[in-house]
Amino acid sequence: MEIIGGILILLGIILLIVGDIWFLIAAFRESIWWGLACLLLPIVQLFFLIVHWDEAKKPFGLQLAALAVFLTGFFIGALTTHH
């Protein structure tokens, strides 16, 4: 089970990176200023998400799914090592 947990953690990290890059691409497509602000000031990503929901909802959804996969792997790993 530890291997499955590790695989899920790795998959979650990969999906999170892909979602973050996709989110930044959406911000840069809106304008270079949105892109730079989202890249340099992570709190701006929240504002971009709210203001440009239609452009940001899919990458944000992928990031949420990635977090769920990561946490599932983490908890599977934690449960199998401490029984």
C-alpha atoms as a PDB file:
ATOM      1  CA  MET A   1       0.000   0.000   0.000  1.00  0.00           C
ATOM      2  CA  GLU A   2       2.928   2.349   0.585  1.00  0.00           C
ATOM      3  CA  ILE A   3       3.766   2.154  -3.120  1.00  0.00           C
ATOM      4  CA  ILE A   4       0.219   3.172  -4.061  1.00  0.00           C
ATOM      5  CA  GLY A   5       0.427   6.095  -1.629  1.00  0.00           C
ATOM      6  CA  GLY A   6       3.733   7.193  -3.143  1.00  0.00           C
ATOM      7  CA  ILE A   7       2.387   6.937  -6.671  1.00  0.00           C
ATOM      8  CA  LEU A   8      -0.660   9.017  -5.748  1.00  0.00           C
ATOM      9  CA  ILE A   9       1.518  11.642  -4.072  1.00  0.00           C
ATOM     10  CA  LEU A  10       3.725  11.870  -7.159  1.00  0.00           C
ATOM     11  CA  LEU A  11       0.687  12.008  -9.462  1.00  0.00           C
ATOM     12  CA  GLY A  12      -0.838  14.738  -7.304  1.00  0.00           C
ATOM     13  CA  ILE A  13       2.336  16.805  -7.492  1.00  0.00           C
ATOM     14  CA  ILE A  14       2.540  16.418 -11.275  1.00  0.00           C
ATOM     15  CA  LEU A  15      -1.125  17.371 -11.713  1.00  0.00           C
ATOM     16  CA  LEU A  16      -0.678  20.353  -9.407  1.00  0.00           C
ATOM     17  CA  ILE A  17       2.258  21.613 -11.476  1.00  0.00           C
ATOM     18  CA  VAL A  18       0.281  21.138 -14.698  1.00  0.00           C
ATOM     19  CA  GLY A  19      -2.713  22.975 -13.199  1.00  0.00           C
ATOM     20  CA  ASP A  20      -0.514  25.825 -12.008  1.00  0.00           C
ATOM     21  CA  ILE A  21       1.136  26.218 -15.414  1.00  0.00           C
ATOM     22  CA  TRP A  22      -2.295  26.096 -17.089  1.00  0.00           C
ATOM     23  CA  PHE A  23      -3.528  28.759 -14.658  1.00  0.00           C
ATOM     24  CA  LEU A  24      -0.550  30.999 -15.448  1.00  0.00           C
ATOM     25  CA  ILE A  25      -1.132  30.530 -19.175  1.00  0.00           C
ATOM     26  CA  ALA A  26      -4.742  31.661 -18.690  1.00  0.00           C
ATOM     27  CA  ALA A  27      -3.519  34.719 -16.774  1.00  0.00           C
ATOM     28  CA  PHE A  28      -0.937  35.611 -19.444  1.00  0.00           C
ATOM     29  CA  ARG A  29      -3.580  35.191 -22.152  1.00  0.00           C
ATOM     30  CA  GLU A  30      -5.693  37.789 -20.376  1.00  0.00           C
ATOM     31  CA  SER A  31      -2.764  40.240 -20.203  1.00  0.00           C
ATOM     32  CA  ILE A  32       0.924  40.264 -19.485  1.00  0.00           C
ATOM     33  CA  TRP A  33       0.199  42.204 -16.281  1.00  0.00           C
ATOM     34  CA  TRP A  34      -2.169  39.548 -14.958  1.00  0.00           C
ATOM     35  CA  GLY A  35       0.360  36.880 -15.844  1.00  0.00           C
ATOM     36  CA  LEU A  36       3.272  38.610 -14.170  1.00  0.00           C
ATOM     37  CA  ALA A  37       1.218  39.470 -11.106  1.00  0.00           C
ATOM     38  CA  CYS A  38       0.016  35.858 -10.742  1.00  0.00           C
ATOM     39  CA  LEU A  39       3.555  34.591 -11.231  1.00  0.00           C
ATOM     40  CA  LEU A  40       5.199  36.945  -8.747  1.00  0.00           C
ATOM     41  CA  LEU A  41       2.425  37.456  -6.174  1.00  0.00           C
ATOM     42  CA  PRO A  42       0.499  34.222  -5.535  1.00  0.00           C
ATOM     43  CA  ILE A  43      -2.336  36.043  -3.710  1.00  0.00           C
ATOM     44  CA  VAL A  44      -3.190  37.717  -7.035  1.00  0.00           C
ATOM     45  CA  GLN A  45      -4.169  34.272  -8.340  1.00  0.00           C
ATOM     46  CA  LEU A  46      -7.196  34.395  -6.039  1.00  0.00           C
ATOM     47  CA  PHE A  47      -8.262  37.733  -7.499  1.00  0.00           C
ATOM     48  CA  PHE A  48      -7.710  36.443 -11.034  1.00  0.00           C
ATOM     49  CA  LEU A  49      -9.809  33.378 -10.223  1.00  0.00           C
ATOM     50  CA  ILE A  50     -12.691  35.527  -9.005  1.00  0.00           C
ATOM     51  CA  VAL A  51     -12.521  38.170 -11.745  1.00  0.00           C
ATOM     52  CA  HIS A  52     -11.864  35.758 -14.630  1.00  0.00           C
ATOM     53  CA  TRP A  53     -13.759  32.671 -13.473  1.00  0.00           C
ATOM     54  CA  ASP A  54     -14.555  31.442 -16.995  1.00  0.00           C
ATOM     55  CA  GLU A  55     -10.883  31.362 -17.975  1.00  0.00           C
ATOM     56  CA  ALA A  56      -9.575  30.047 -14.642  1.00  0.00           C
ATOM     57  CA  LYS A  57     -12.161  27.486 -13.545  1.00  0.00           C
ATOM     58  CA  LYS A  58     -10.712  24.482 -15.408  1.00  0.00           C
ATOM     59  CA  PRO A  59      -7.099  24.905 -14.245  1.00  0.00           C
ATOM     60  CA  PHE A  60      -8.383  25.628 -10.741  1.00  0.00           C
ATOM     61  CA  GLY A  61     -10.486  22.470 -10.859  1.00  0.00           C
ATOM     62  CA  LEU A  62      -7.416  20.493 -11.893  1.00  0.00           C
ATOM     63  CA  GLN A  63      -5.505  21.962  -8.966  1.00  0.00           C
ATOM     64  CA  LEU A  64      -8.284  20.923  -6.576  1.00  0.00           C
ATOM     65  CA  ALA A  65      -8.334  17.413  -8.034  1.00  0.00           C
ATOM     66  CA  ALA A  66      -4.539  17.263  -7.732  1.00  0.00           C
ATOM     67  CA  LEU A  67      -4.772  18.252  -4.082  1.00  0.00           C
ATOM     68  CA  ALA A  68      -7.326  15.493  -3.483  1.00  0.00           C
ATOM     69  CA  VAL A  69      -5.069  12.907  -5.183  1.00  0.00           C
ATOM     70  CA  PHE A  70      -2.044  14.116  -3.219  1.00  0.00           C
ATOM     71  CA  LEU A  71      -3.864  14.024   0.118  1.00  0.00           C
ATOM     72  CA  THR A  72      -5.294  10.582  -0.628  1.00  0.00           C
ATOM     73  CA  GLY A  73      -1.803   9.289  -1.316  1.00  0.00           C
ATOM     74  CA  PHE A  74      -0.474  10.988   1.786  1.00  0.00           C
ATOM     75  CA  PHE A  75      -3.127   9.448   4.028  1.00  0.00           C
ATOM     76  CA  ILE A  76      -2.746   6.008   2.451  1.00  0.00           C
ATOM     77  CA  GLY A  77       0.985   6.229   3.059  1.00  0.00           C
ATOM     78  CA  ALA A  78       0.507   7.469   6.611  1.00  0.00           C
ATOM     79  CA  LEU A  79      -1.995   4.740   7.463  1.00  0.00           C
ATOM     80  CA  THR A  80       0.137   1.941   6.090  1.00  0.00           C
ATOM     81  CA  THR A  81       3.314   3.003   7.894  1.00  0.00           C
ATOM     82  CA  HIS A  82       1.729   3.537  11.331  1.00  0.00           C
ATOM     83  CA  HIS A  83      -0.422   0.461  11.869  1.00  0.00           C
END
